[in-house]
Amino acid sequence: MQSITLGRNDSEPLILTVKEAATMLRIGRSLVYELIAQKRLPFIQLGRRVLIPRYGLERWIAKEAGLPEPSFPSLPVRSQQH
């Protein structure tokens, strides 16, 4: 399997739950839902589940802090064996 470096730990999830995002931001879940309702925080809705893309959260944090936008991590590439 060929892999492209992510620049971070490959075991980090690409998508976070609201609870995980709240923990990362050190805020309550209700505030995360409020930021989502205000369309200030990026999210994905799958049925009733609300998920936050890690990269979107990192971009949002950088923007709010006035920092340069983080580079988008590359995903591992799997070569097909015949």
Protein backbone atom coordinates (compact mmCIF):
# COMPACT_ATOMS: atom_id res chain seq x y z
CA MET A 1 0.00 0.00 0.00
CA GLN A 2 1.33 3.41 -1.00
CA SER A 3 0.62 6.21 1.46
CA ILE A 4 0.80 9.98 1.31
CA THR A 5 1.77 11.64 4.58
CA LEU A 6 -1.05 13.37 6.40
CA GLY A 7 1.23 15.58 8.45
CA ARG A 8 -0.52 14.30 11.56
CA ASN A 9 -1.24 11.02 13.22
CA ASP A 10 -3.03 8.80 10.66
CA SER A 11 -5.24 7.41 13.43
CA GLU A 12 -6.97 10.77 13.98
CA PRO A 13 -10.56 10.64 12.69
CA LEU A 14 -11.48 12.79 9.70
CA ILE A 15 -14.98 13.36 11.09
CA LEU A 16 -15.79 14.29 14.69
CA THR A 17 -18.95 13.94 16.72
CA VAL A 18 -20.38 17.05 18.37
CA LYS A 19 -19.10 15.76 21.71
CA GLU A 20 -15.56 15.26 20.32
CA ALA A 21 -15.58 18.73 18.74
CA ALA A 22 -16.81 20.26 22.01
CA THR A 23 -14.01 18.51 23.89
CA MET A 24 -11.41 19.74 21.39
CA LEU A 25 -12.74 23.30 21.63
CA ARG A 26 -13.15 23.04 25.42
CA ILE A 27 -16.75 24.23 25.22
CA GLY A 28 -20.09 22.59 25.88
CA ARG A 29 -22.04 20.57 23.34
CA SER A 30 -24.89 23.09 23.42
CA LEU A 31 -22.51 25.85 22.27
CA VAL A 32 -21.30 23.62 19.41
CA TYR A 33 -24.94 23.11 18.35
CA GLU A 34 -25.51 26.88 18.63
CA LEU A 35 -22.49 27.59 16.38
CA ILE A 36 -23.81 25.03 13.90
CA ALA A 37 -27.30 26.60 13.95
CA GLN A 38 -25.69 29.99 13.27
CA LYS A 39 -23.81 28.37 10.36
CA ARG A 40 -20.53 29.53 11.90
CA LEU A 41 -19.10 26.04 12.37
CA PRO A 42 -18.79 23.64 9.42
CA PHE A 43 -20.81 20.44 9.73
CA ILE A 44 -22.20 17.46 7.87
CA GLN A 45 -25.72 16.19 8.48
CA LEU A 46 -26.26 12.47 7.89
CA GLY A 47 -29.87 11.75 8.75
CA ARG A 48 -30.23 12.93 12.34
CA ARG A 49 -26.49 12.78 13.01
CA VAL A 50 -24.48 15.98 13.01
CA LEU A 51 -20.77 15.53 12.35
CA ILE A 52 -17.90 18.00 12.10
CA PRO A 53 -15.09 17.51 9.58
CA ARG A 54 -11.75 17.78 11.40
CA TYR A 55 -10.21 19.88 8.63
CA GLY A 56 -13.18 22.25 8.65
CA LEU A 57 -12.88 22.63 12.41
CA GLU A 58 -9.15 23.32 12.12
CA ARG A 59 -9.81 25.94 9.40
CA TRP A 60 -12.51 27.55 11.56
CA ILE A 61 -10.18 27.72 14.57
CA ALA A 62 -7.41 29.28 12.45
CA LYS A 63 -9.82 31.82 10.95
CA GLU A 64 -11.26 32.79 14.34
CA ALA A 65 -7.75 33.17 15.76
CA GLY A 66 -6.52 35.18 12.77
CA LEU A 67 -3.98 32.50 11.84
CA PRO A 68 -3.02 31.25 8.36
CA GLU A 69 -5.28 28.52 7.01
CA PRO A 70 -3.89 25.02 7.66
CA SER A 71 -3.00 22.97 4.61
CA PHE A 72 -5.43 20.26 3.64
CA PRO A 73 -4.09 16.83 4.59
CA SER A 74 -3.81 14.22 1.86
CA LEU A 75 -5.59 10.93 2.36
CA PRO A 76 -3.80 7.60 2.12
CA VAL A 77 -3.76 6.17 -1.39
CA ARG A 78 -4.24 2.44 -1.73
CA SER A 79 -2.85 0.81 -4.81
CA GLN A 80 -4.94 -1.97 -6.29
CA GLN A 81 -3.15 -5.26 -6.68
CA HIS A 82 -4.13 -7.46 -9.61
